[in-house]
Amino acid sequence: IERDLVFDEVAGRNQPVGPSHRLGSFVAARLGYADALDLL
């Protein structure tokens, strides 16, 4: 992100911090049974 914002607790609002990087991963599993049970 070239121009990111971060919450500043002193100012009580988001403040610009310049560029930021994020790197990550996710996994999701969903199990359904007979239109009665749905687990995510």
PDB file of all heavy atoms in Angstrom:
ATOM      1  N   ILE A   1       0.863  -1.172   0.000  1.00  0.00           N
ATOM      2  CA  ILE A   1       0.000   0.000   0.000  1.00  0.00           C
ATOM      3  C   ILE A   1       0.904   1.228   0.000  1.00  0.00           C
ATOM      4  O   ILE A   1       1.776   1.356   0.858  1.00  0.00           O
ATOM      5  CB  ILE A   1      -0.939  -0.006   1.228  1.00  0.00           C
ATOM      6  CG1 ILE A   1      -1.813  -1.263   1.194  1.00  0.00           C
ATOM      7  CG2 ILE A   1      -1.784   1.261   1.271  1.00  0.00           C
ATOM      8  CD1 ILE A   1      -2.645  -1.469   2.432  1.00  0.00           C
ATOM      9  N   GLU A   2       0.733   2.082  -0.964  1.00  0.00           N
ATOM     10  CA  GLU A   2       1.600   3.260  -1.096  1.00  0.00           C
ATOM     11  C   GLU A   2       1.354   4.313  -0.024  1.00  0.00           C
ATOM     12  O   GLU A   2       2.283   4.948   0.453  1.00  0.00           O
ATOM     13  CB  GLU A   2       1.431   3.899  -2.478  1.00  0.00           C
ATOM     14  CG  GLU A   2       1.977   3.062  -3.603  1.00  0.00           C
ATOM     15  CD  GLU A   2       3.481   2.858  -3.523  1.00  0.00           C
ATOM     16  OE1 GLU A   2       4.209   3.782  -3.092  1.00  0.00           O
ATOM     17  OE2 GLU A   2       3.932   1.764  -3.872  1.00  0.00           O
ATOM     18  N   ARG A   3       0.085   4.526   0.350  1.00  0.00           N
ATOM     19  CA  ARG A   3      -0.258   5.541   1.357  1.00  0.00           C
ATOM     20  C   ARG A   3      -1.230   4.921   2.359  1.00  0.00           C
ATOM     21  O   ARG A   3      -2.435   5.046   2.221  1.00  0.00           O
ATOM     22  CB  ARG A   3      -0.878   6.757   0.695  1.00  0.00           C
ATOM     23  CG  ARG A   3       0.122   7.511  -0.170  1.00  0.00           C
ATOM     24  CD  ARG A   3      -0.533   8.649  -0.871  1.00  0.00           C
ATOM     25  NE  ARG A   3      -1.545   8.069  -1.777  1.00  0.00           N
ATOM     26  CZ  ARG A   3      -2.270   8.754  -2.619  1.00  0.00           C
ATOM     27  NH1 ARG A   3      -2.122  10.035  -2.703  1.00  0.00           N
ATOM     28  NH2 ARG A   3      -3.142   8.160  -3.388  1.00  0.00           N
ATOM     29  N   ASP A   4      -0.692   4.274   3.372  1.00  0.00           N
ATOM     30  CA  ASP A   4      -1.520   3.579   4.358  1.00  0.00           C
ATOM     31  C   ASP A   4      -1.903   4.518   5.501  1.00  0.00           C
ATOM     32  O   ASP A   4      -1.281   5.563   5.706  1.00  0.00           O
ATOM     33  CB  ASP A   4      -0.762   2.374   4.921  1.00  0.00           C
ATOM     34  CG  ASP A   4      -1.692   1.285   5.426  1.00  0.00           C
ATOM     35  OD1 ASP A   4      -2.923   1.523   5.496  1.00  0.00           O
ATOM     36  OD2 ASP A   4      -1.200   0.191   5.746  1.00  0.00           O
ATOM     37  N   LEU A   5      -2.940   4.126   6.224  1.00  0.00           N
ATOM     38  CA  LEU A   5      -3.394   4.847   7.407  1.00  0.00           C
ATOM     39  C   LEU A   5      -3.332   3.909   8.603  1.00  0.00           C
ATOM     40  O   LEU A   5      -3.638   2.722   8.484  1.00  0.00           O
ATOM     41  CB  LEU A   5      -4.838   5.321   7.226  1.00  0.00           C
ATOM     42  CG  LEU A   5      -5.113   6.296   6.096  1.00  0.00           C
ATOM     43  CD1 LEU A   5      -6.603   6.507   5.935  1.00  0.00           C
ATOM     44  CD2 LEU A   5      -4.412   7.611   6.356  1.00  0.00           C
ATOM     45  N   VAL A   6      -2.953   4.431   9.764  1.00  0.00           N
ATOM     46  CA  VAL A   6      -2.917   3.664  11.002  1.00  0.00           C
ATOM     47  C   VAL A   6      -3.602   4.487  12.080  1.00  0.00           C
ATOM     48  O   VAL A   6      -3.417   5.706  12.148  1.00  0.00           O
ATOM     49  CB  VAL A   6      -1.461   3.338  11.414  1.00  0.00           C
ATOM     50  CG1 VAL A   6      -1.406   2.741  12.801  1.00  0.00           C
ATOM     51  CG2 VAL A   6      -0.830   2.401  10.416  1.00  0.00           C
ATOM     52  N   PHE A   7      -4.380   3.813  12.929  1.00  0.00           N
ATOM     53  CA  PHE A   7      -5.075   4.507  14.001  1.00  0.00           C
ATOM     54  C   PHE A   7      -4.079   5.056  15.016  1.00  0.00           C
ATOM     55  O   PHE A   7      -3.189   4.362  15.483  1.00  0.00           O
ATOM     56  CB  PHE A   7      -6.067   3.570  14.692  1.00  0.00           C
ATOM     57  CG  PHE A   7      -6.855   4.242  15.768  1.00  0.00           C
ATOM     58  CD1 PHE A   7      -7.880   5.115  15.446  1.00  0.00           C
ATOM     59  CD2 PHE A   7      -6.556   4.028  17.103  1.00  0.00           C
ATOM     60  CE1 PHE A   7      -8.608   5.760  16.447  1.00  0.00           C
ATOM     61  CE2 PHE A   7      -7.272   4.661  18.104  1.00  0.00           C
ATOM     62  CZ  PHE A   7      -8.299   5.521  17.777  1.00  0.00           C
ATOM     63  N   ASP A   8      -4.233   6.320  15.338  1.00  0.00           N
ATOM     64  CA  ASP A   8      -3.412   6.977  16.350  1.00  0.00           C
ATOM     65  C   ASP A   8      -4.305   7.239  17.560  1.00  0.00           C
ATOM     66  O   ASP A   8      -5.248   8.033  17.493  1.00  0.00           O
ATOM     67  CB  ASP A   8      -2.860   8.292  15.796  1.00  0.00           C
ATOM     68  CG  ASP A   8      -1.941   9.018  16.762  1.00  0.00           C
ATOM     69  OD1 ASP A   8      -2.041   8.782  17.991  1.00  0.00           O
ATOM     70  OD2 ASP A   8      -1.118   9.824  16.295  1.00  0.00           O
ATOM     71  N   GLU A   9      -3.999   6.561  18.681  1.00  0.00           N
ATOM     72  CA  GLU A   9      -4.852   6.669  19.861  1.00  0.00           C
ATOM     73  C   GLU A   9      -4.808   8.053  20.490  1.00  0.00           C
ATOM     74  O   GLU A   9      -5.764   8.475  21.146  1.00  0.00           O
ATOM     75  CB  GLU A   9      -4.494   5.595  20.902  1.00  0.00           C
ATOM     76  CG  GLU A   9      -3.134   5.742  21.532  1.00  0.00           C
ATOM     77  CD  GLU A   9      -1.996   5.180  20.707  1.00  0.00           C
ATOM     78  OE1 GLU A   9      -2.207   4.619  19.623  1.00  0.00           O
ATOM     79  OE2 GLU A   9      -0.853   5.306  21.163  1.00  0.00           O
ATOM     80  N   VAL A  10      -3.741   8.805  20.300  1.00  0.00           N
ATOM     81  CA  VAL A  10      -3.650  10.158  20.845  1.00  0.00           C
ATOM     82  C   VAL A  10      -4.545  11.105  20.036  1.00  0.00           C
ATOM     83  O   VAL A  10      -5.309  11.881  20.587  1.00  0.00           O
ATOM     84  CB  VAL A  10      -2.187  10.654  20.862  1.00  0.00           C
ATOM     85  CG1 VAL A  10      -2.114  12.097  21.311  1.00  0.00           C
ATOM     86  CG2 VAL A  10      -1.341   9.767  21.761  1.00  0.00           C
ATOM     87  N   ALA A  11      -4.447  11.011  18.707  1.00  0.00           N
ATOM     88  CA  ALA A  11      -5.268  11.867  17.844  1.00  0.00           C
ATOM     89  C   ALA A  11      -6.719  11.380  17.786  1.00  0.00           C
ATOM     90  O   ALA A  11      -7.621  12.150  17.473  1.00  0.00           O
ATOM     91  CB  ALA A  11      -4.684  11.917  16.438  1.00  0.00           C
ATOM     92  N   GLY A  12      -6.937  10.085  18.045  1.00  0.00           N
ATOM     93  CA  GLY A  12      -8.289   9.540  18.006  1.00  0.00           C
ATOM     94  C   GLY A  12      -8.806   9.288  16.605  1.00  0.00           C
ATOM     95  O   GLY A  12     -10.008   9.198  16.391  1.00  0.00           O
ATOM     96  N   ARG A  13      -7.914   9.156  15.656  1.00  0.00           N
ATOM     97  CA  ARG A  13      -8.326   8.903  14.269  1.00  0.00           C
ATOM     98  C   ARG A  13      -7.160   8.279  13.498  1.00  0.00           C
ATOM     99  O   ARG A  13      -6.038   8.208  13.991  1.00  0.00           O
ATOM    100  CB  ARG A  13      -8.779  10.186  13.589  1.00  0.00           C
ATOM    101  CG  ARG A  13      -7.700  11.225  13.458  1.00  0.00           C
ATOM    102  CD  ARG A  13      -8.238  12.476  12.764  1.00  0.00           C
ATOM    103  NE  ARG A  13      -7.223  13.475  12.658  1.00  0.00           N
ATOM    104  CZ  ARG A  13      -7.001  14.436  13.535  1.00  0.00           C
ATOM    105  NH1 ARG A  13      -7.775  14.542  14.597  1.00  0.00           N
ATOM    106  NH2 ARG A  13      -6.032  15.301  13.361  1.00  0.00           N
ATOM    107  N   ASN A  14      -7.436   7.860  12.284  1.00  0.00           N
ATOM    108  CA  ASN A  14      -6.392   7.296  11.427  1.00  0.00           C
ATOM    109  C   ASN A  14      -5.455   8.401  10.950  1.00  0.00           C
ATOM    110  O   ASN A  14      -5.906   9.498  10.607  1.00  0.00           O
ATOM    111  CB  ASN A  14      -6.996   6.581  10.225  1.00  0.00           C
ATOM    112  CG  ASN A  14      -7.674   5.296  10.622  1.00  0.00           C
ATOM    113  OD1 ASN A  14      -7.289   4.669  11.604  1.00  0.00           O
ATOM    114  ND2 ASN A  14      -8.671   4.886   9.862  1.00  0.00           N
ATOM    115  N   GLN A  15      -4.161   8.083  10.911  1.00  0.00           N
ATOM    116  CA  GLN A  15      -3.147   9.028  10.461  1.00  0.00           C
ATOM    117  C   GLN A  15      -2.334   8.391   9.331  1.00  0.00           C
ATOM    118  O   GLN A  15      -2.086   7.182   9.358  1.00  0.00           O
ATOM    119  CB  GLN A  15      -2.200   9.379  11.613  1.00  0.00           C
ATOM    120  CG  GLN A  15      -2.869  10.083  12.774  1.00  0.00           C
ATOM    121  CD  GLN A  15      -3.282  11.503  12.426  1.00  0.00           C
ATOM    122  OE1 GLN A  15      -2.733  12.128  11.535  1.00  0.00           O
ATOM    123  NE2 GLN A  15      -4.271  12.008  13.138  1.00  0.00           N
ATOM    124  N   PRO A  16      -1.895   9.162   8.351  1.00  0.00           N
ATOM    125  CA  PRO A  16      -1.066   8.597   7.279  1.00  0.00           C
ATOM    126  C   PRO A  16       0.299   8.166   7.814  1.00  0.00           C
ATOM    127  O   PRO A  16       0.888   8.842   8.655  1.00  0.00           O
ATOM    128  CB  PRO A  16      -0.922   9.748   6.282  1.00  0.00           C
ATOM    129  CG  PRO A  16      -1.483  10.949   6.915  1.00  0.00           C
ATOM    130  CD  PRO A  16      -2.190  10.571   8.156  1.00  0.00           C
ATOM    131  N   VAL A  17       0.783   7.000   7.323  1.00  0.00           N
ATOM    132  CA  VAL A  17       2.100   6.481   7.731  1.00  0.00           C
ATOM    133  C   VAL A  17       2.991   6.175   6.535  1.00  0.00           C
ATOM    134  O   VAL A  17       4.077   5.660   6.698  1.00  0.00           O
ATOM    135  CB  VAL A  17       1.975   5.216   8.614  1.00  0.00           C
ATOM    136  CG1 VAL A  17       1.337   5.548   9.941  1.00  0.00           C
ATOM    137  CG2 VAL A  17       1.247   4.117   7.883  1.00  0.00           C
ATOM    138  N   GLY A  18       2.537   6.461   5.339  1.00  0.00           N
ATOM    139  CA  GLY A  18       3.328   6.161   4.152  1.00  0.00           C
ATOM    140  C   GLY A  18       3.078   4.743   3.667  1.00  0.00           C
ATOM    141  O   GLY A  18       2.018   4.179   3.890  1.00  0.00           O
ATOM    142  N   PRO A  19       4.071   4.141   3.007  1.00  0.00           N
ATOM    143  CA  PRO A  19       3.868   2.807   2.445  1.00  0.00           C
ATOM    144  C   PRO A  19       3.881   1.716   3.527  1.00  0.00           C
ATOM    145  O   PRO A  19       4.474   1.889   4.591  1.00  0.00           O
ATOM    146  CB  PRO A  19       5.041   2.631   1.488  1.00  0.00           C
ATOM    147  CG  PRO A  19       6.082   3.565   1.980  1.00  0.00           C
ATOM    148  CD  PRO A  19       5.366   4.699   2.635  1.00  0.00           C
ATOM    149  N   SER A  20       3.208   0.602   3.220  1.00  0.00           N
ATOM    150  CA  SER A  20       3.230  -0.566   4.101  1.00  0.00           C
ATOM    151  C   SER A  20       3.213  -1.830   3.242  1.00  0.00           C
ATOM    152  O   SER A  20       2.770  -1.812   2.093  1.00  0.00           O
ATOM    153  CB  SER A  20       2.044  -0.560   5.066  1.00  0.00           C
ATOM    154  OG  SER A  20       0.837  -0.793   4.380  1.00  0.00           O
ATOM    155  N   HIS A  21       3.705  -2.907   3.833  1.00  0.00           N
ATOM    156  CA  HIS A  21       3.718  -4.226   3.186  1.00  0.00           C
ATOM    157  C   HIS A  21       2.954  -5.208   4.049  1.00  0.00           C
ATOM    158  O   HIS A  21       3.056  -5.167   5.278  1.00  0.00           O
ATOM    159  CB  HIS A  21       5.153  -4.756   3.054  1.00  0.00           C
ATOM    160  CG  HIS A  21       5.968  -4.062   2.033  1.00  0.00           C
ATOM    161  ND1 HIS A  21       7.320  -4.188   1.981  1.00  0.00           N
ATOM    162  CD2 HIS A  21       5.645  -3.241   1.015  1.00  0.00           C
ATOM    163  CE1 HIS A  21       7.801  -3.488   0.986  1.00  0.00           C
ATOM    164  NE2 HIS A  21       6.799  -2.893   0.388  1.00  0.00           N
ATOM    165  N   ARG A  22       2.231  -6.122   3.409  1.00  0.00           N
ATOM    166  CA  ARG A  22       1.570  -7.222   4.107  1.00  0.00           C
ATOM    167  C   ARG A  22       1.861  -8.507   3.359  1.00  0.00           C
ATOM    168  O   ARG A  22       1.818  -8.544   2.137  1.00  0.00           O
ATOM    169  CB  ARG A  22       0.066  -7.000   4.178  1.00  0.00           C
ATOM    170  CG  ARG A  22      -0.342  -5.929   5.157  1.00  0.00           C
ATOM    171  CD  ARG A  22      -1.829  -5.613   5.009  1.00  0.00           C
ATOM    172  NE  ARG A  22      -2.265  -4.602   5.942  1.00  0.00           N
ATOM    173  CZ  ARG A  22      -2.019  -3.323   5.868  1.00  0.00           C
ATOM    174  NH1 ARG A  22      -1.289  -2.855   4.871  1.00  0.00           N
ATOM    175  NH2 ARG A  22      -2.463  -2.475   6.762  1.00  0.00           N
ATOM    176  N   LEU A  23       2.113  -9.560   4.123  1.00  0.00           N
ATOM    177  CA  LEU A  23       2.380 -10.873   3.558  1.00  0.00           C
ATOM    178  C   LEU A  23       1.690 -11.877   4.456  1.00  0.00           C
ATOM    179  O   LEU A  23       1.793 -11.789   5.688  1.00  0.00           O
ATOM    180  CB  LEU A  23       3.889 -11.135   3.535  1.00  0.00           C
ATOM    181  CG  LEU A  23       4.372 -12.433   2.928  1.00  0.00           C
ATOM    182  CD1 LEU A  23       4.083 -12.451   1.434  1.00  0.00           C
ATOM    183  CD2 LEU A  23       5.856 -12.603   3.174  1.00  0.00           C
ATOM    184  N   GLY A  24       0.958 -12.817   3.885  1.00  0.00           N
ATOM    185  CA  GLY A  24       0.257 -13.762   4.746  1.00  0.00           C
ATOM    186  C   GLY A  24      -0.398 -14.886   3.982  1.00  0.00           C
ATOM    187  O   GLY A  24      -0.229 -15.045   2.773  1.00  0.00           O
ATOM    188  N   SER A  25      -1.171 -15.659   4.738  1.00  0.00           N
ATOM    189  CA  SER A  25      -1.903 -16.788   4.162  1.00  0.00           C
ATOM    190  C   SER A  25      -3.150 -17.053   4.994  1.00  0.00           C
ATOM    191  O   SER A  25      -3.262 -16.589   6.133  1.00  0.00           O
ATOM    192  CB  SER A  25      -1.017 -18.032   4.123  1.00  0.00           C
ATOM    193  OG  SER A  25      -0.641 -18.395   5.436  1.00  0.00           O
ATOM    194  N   PHE A  26      -4.070 -17.797   4.404  1.00  0.00           N
ATOM    195  CA  PHE A  26      -5.262 -18.185   5.145  1.00  0.00           C
ATOM    196  C   PHE A  26      -5.702 -19.568   4.703  1.00  0.00           C
ATOM    197  O   PHE A  26      -5.367 -20.043   3.612  1.00  0.00           O
ATOM    198  CB  PHE A  26      -6.408 -17.175   4.959  1.00  0.00           C
ATOM    199  CG  PHE A  26      -7.109 -17.283   3.642  1.00  0.00           C
ATOM    200  CD1 PHE A  26      -8.185 -18.138   3.477  1.00  0.00           C
ATOM    201  CD2 PHE A  26      -6.710 -16.516   2.571  1.00  0.00           C
ATOM    202  CE1 PHE A  26      -8.835 -18.229   2.250  1.00  0.00           C
ATOM    203  CE2 PHE A  26      -7.348 -16.602   1.342  1.00  0.00           C
ATOM    204  CZ  PHE A  26      -8.416 -17.472   1.187  1.00  0.00           C
ATOM    205  N   VAL A  27      -6.472 -20.203   5.555  1.00  0.00           N
ATOM    206  CA  VAL A  27      -7.088 -21.480   5.244  1.00  0.00           C
ATOM    207  C   VAL A  27      -8.517 -21.436   5.790  1.00  0.00           C
ATOM    208  O   VAL A  27      -8.772 -20.833   6.834  1.00  0.00           O
ATOM    209  CB  VAL A  27      -6.285 -22.675   5.831  1.00  0.00           C
ATOM    210  CG1 VAL A  27      -6.250 -22.627   7.335  1.00  0.00           C
ATOM    211  CG2 VAL A  27      -6.816 -23.998   5.331  1.00  0.00           C
ATOM    212  N   ALA A  28      -9.430 -22.031   5.046  1.00  0.00           N
ATOM    213  CA  ALA A  28     -10.833 -22.085   5.458  1.00  0.00           C
ATOM    214  C   ALA A  28     -11.383 -23.461   5.124  1.00  0.00           C
ATOM    215  O   ALA A  28     -11.083 -24.019   4.067  1.00  0.00           O
ATOM    216  CB  ALA A  28     -11.645 -21.005   4.752  1.00  0.00           C
ATOM    217  N   ALA A  29     -12.186 -23.993   6.019  1.00  0.00           N
ATOM    218  CA  ALA A  29     -12.839 -25.285   5.785  1.00  0.00           C
ATOM    219  C   ALA A  29     -14.311 -25.148   6.141  1.00  0.00           C
ATOM    220  O   ALA A  29     -14.663 -24.589   7.185  1.00  0.00           O
ATOM    221  CB  ALA A  29     -12.190 -26.379   6.627  1.00  0.00           C
ATOM    222  N   ARG A  30     -15.157 -25.654   5.263  1.00  0.00           N
ATOM    223  CA  ARG A  30     -16.606 -25.613   5.485  1.00  0.00           C
ATOM    224  C   ARG A  30     -17.163 -27.020   5.369  1.00  0.00           C
ATOM    225  O   ARG A  30     -16.882 -27.725   4.401  1.00  0.00           O
ATOM    226  CB  ARG A  30     -17.263 -24.697   4.471  1.00  0.00           C
ATOM    227  CG  ARG A  30     -18.757 -24.655   4.618  1.00  0.00           C
ATOM    228  CD  ARG A  30     -19.407 -23.652   3.689  1.00  0.00           C
ATOM    229  NE  ARG A  30     -20.282 -22.834   4.500  1.00  0.00           N
ATOM    230  CZ  ARG A  30     -20.381 -21.545   4.453  1.00  0.00           C
ATOM    231  NH1 ARG A  30     -19.665 -20.865   3.607  1.00  0.00           N
ATOM    232  NH2 ARG A  30     -21.210 -20.902   5.228  1.00  0.00           N
ATOM    233  N   LEU A  31     -17.943 -27.404   6.365  1.00  0.00           N
ATOM    234  CA  LEU A  31     -18.578 -28.722   6.399  1.00  0.00           C
ATOM    235  C   LEU A  31     -20.072 -28.526   6.508  1.00  0.00           C
ATOM    236  O   LEU A  31     -20.547 -27.790   7.378  1.00  0.00           O
ATOM    237  CB  LEU A  31     -18.065 -29.518   7.603  1.00  0.00           C
ATOM    238  CG  LEU A  31     -18.694 -30.893   7.822  1.00  0.00           C
ATOM    239  CD1 LEU A  31     -18.284 -31.839   6.692  1.00  0.00           C
ATOM    240  CD2 LEU A  31     -18.268 -31.455   9.168  1.00  0.00           C
ATOM    241  N   GLY A  32     -20.813 -29.141   5.597  1.00  0.00           N
ATOM    242  CA  GLY A  32     -22.262 -29.060   5.626  1.00  0.00           C
ATOM    243  C   GLY A  32     -22.859 -30.459   5.659  1.00  0.00           C
ATOM    244  O   GLY A  32     -22.311 -31.397   5.076  1.00  0.00           O
ATOM    245  N   TYR A  33     -23.961 -30.586   6.360  1.00  0.00           N
ATOM    246  CA  TYR A  33     -24.622 -31.882   6.433  1.00  0.00           C
ATOM    247  C   TYR A  33     -26.123 -31.701   6.262  1.00  0.00           C
ATOM    248  O   TYR A  33     -26.788 -31.062   7.098  1.00  0.00           O
ATOM    249  CB  TYR A  33     -24.337 -32.579   7.765  1.00  0.00           C
ATOM    250  CG  TYR A  33     -25.030 -33.910   7.886  1.00  0.00           C
ATOM    251  CD1 TYR A  33     -24.577 -35.009   7.173  1.00  0.00           C
ATOM    252  CD2 TYR A  33     -26.161 -34.049   8.677  1.00  0.00           C
ATOM    253  CE1 TYR A  33     -25.209 -36.221   7.259  1.00  0.00           C
ATOM    254  CE2 TYR A  33     -26.809 -35.261   8.765  1.00  0.00           C
ATOM    255  CZ  TYR A  33     -26.328 -36.340   8.055  1.00  0.00           C
ATOM    256  OH  TYR A  33     -26.976 -37.548   8.132  1.00  0.00           O
ATOM    257  N   ALA A  34     -26.652 -32.239   5.198  1.00  0.00           N
ATOM    258  CA  ALA A  34     -28.094 -32.359   4.953  1.00  0.00           C
ATOM    259  C   ALA A  34     -28.887 -31.073   5.171  1.00  0.00           C
ATOM    260  O   ALA A  34     -29.966 -31.104   5.720  1.00  0.00           O
ATOM    261  CB  ALA A  34     -28.674 -33.475   5.813  1.00  0.00           C
ATOM    262  N   ASP A  35     -28.379 -29.953   4.746  1.00  0.00           N
ATOM    263  CA  ASP A  35     -29.063 -28.665   4.917  1.00  0.00           C
ATOM    264  C   ASP A  35     -29.434 -28.371   6.364  1.00  0.00           C
ATOM    265  O   ASP A  35     -30.256 -27.510   6.636  1.00  0.00           O
ATOM    266  CB  ASP A  35     -30.318 -28.581   4.044  1.00  0.00           C
ATOM    267  CG  ASP A  35     -29.989 -28.531   2.569  1.00  0.00           C
ATOM    268  OD1 ASP A  35     -28.888 -28.041   2.228  1.00  0.00           O
ATOM    269  OD2 ASP A  35     -30.825 -28.970   1.760  1.00  0.00           O
ATOM    270  N   ALA A  36     -28.841 -29.102   7.312  1.00  0.00           N
ATOM    271  CA  ALA A  36     -29.146 -28.873   8.724  1.00  0.00           C
ATOM    272  C   ALA A  36     -27.949 -28.302   9.472  1.00  0.00           C
ATOM    273  O   ALA A  36     -28.109 -27.461  10.340  1.00  0.00           O
ATOM    274  CB  ALA A  36     -29.588 -30.176   9.385  1.00  0.00           C
ATOM    275  N   LEU A  37     -26.752 -28.741   9.130  1.00  0.00           N
ATOM    276  CA  LEU A  37     -25.552 -28.306   9.836  1.00  0.00           C
ATOM    277  C   LEU A  37     -24.621 -27.587   8.867  1.00  0.00           C
ATOM    278  O   LEU A  37     -24.387 -28.058   7.754  1.00  0.00           O
ATOM    279  CB  LEU A  37     -24.823 -29.513  10.436  1.00  0.00           C
ATOM    280  CG  LEU A  37     -23.486 -29.220  11.109  1.00  0.00           C
ATOM    281  CD1 LEU A  37     -23.710 -28.420  12.388  1.00  0.00           C
ATOM    282  CD2 LEU A  37     -22.755 -30.507  11.408  1.00  0.00           C
ATOM    283  N   ASP A  38     -24.109 -26.462   9.299  1.00  0.00           N
ATOM    284  CA  ASP A  38     -23.141 -25.712   8.509  1.00  0.00           C
ATOM    285  C   ASP A  38     -22.047 -25.236   9.456  1.00  0.00           C
ATOM    286  O   ASP A  38     -22.312 -24.463  10.379  1.00  0.00           O
ATOM    287  CB  ASP A  38     -23.815 -24.519   7.831  1.00  0.00           C
ATOM    288  CG  ASP A  38     -22.924 -23.836   6.820  1.00  0.00           C
ATOM    289  OD1 ASP A  38     -21.864 -24.387   6.476  1.00  0.00           O
ATOM    290  OD2 ASP A  38     -23.292 -22.739   6.367  1.00  0.00           O
ATOM    291  N   LEU A  39     -20.821 -25.718   9.243  1.00  0.00           N
ATOM    292  CA  LEU A  39     -19.684 -25.379  10.092  1.00  0.00           C
ATOM    293  C   LEU A  39     -18.604 -24.762   9.221  1.00  0.00           C
ATOM    294  O   LEU A  39     -18.213 -25.329   8.203  1.00  0.00           O
ATOM    295  CB  LEU A  39     -19.151 -26.636  10.784  1.00  0.00           C
ATOM    296  CG  LEU A  39     -17.840 -26.489  11.558  1.00  0.00           C
ATOM    297  CD1 LEU A  39     -18.029 -25.570  12.754  1.00  0.00           C
ATOM    298  CD2 LEU A  39     -17.352 -27.859  12.008  1.00  0.00           C
ATOM    299  N   LEU A  40     -18.124 -23.578   9.610  1.00  0.00           N
ATOM    300  CA  LEU A  40     -17.066 -22.880   8.890  1.00  0.00           C
ATOM    301  C   LEU A  40     -15.960 -22.543   9.868  1.00  0.00           C
ATOM    302  O   LEU A  40     -16.208 -21.915  10.905  1.00  0.00           O
ATOM    303  CB  LEU A  40     -17.595 -21.599   8.232  1.00  0.00           C
ATOM    304  CG  LEU A  40     -16.567 -20.698   7.563  1.00  0.00           C
ATOM    305  CD1 LEU A  40     -15.911 -21.407   6.381  1.00  0.00           C
ATOM    306  CD2 LEU A  40     -17.195 -19.395   7.131  1.00  0.00           C
TER     307      LEU A  40
END
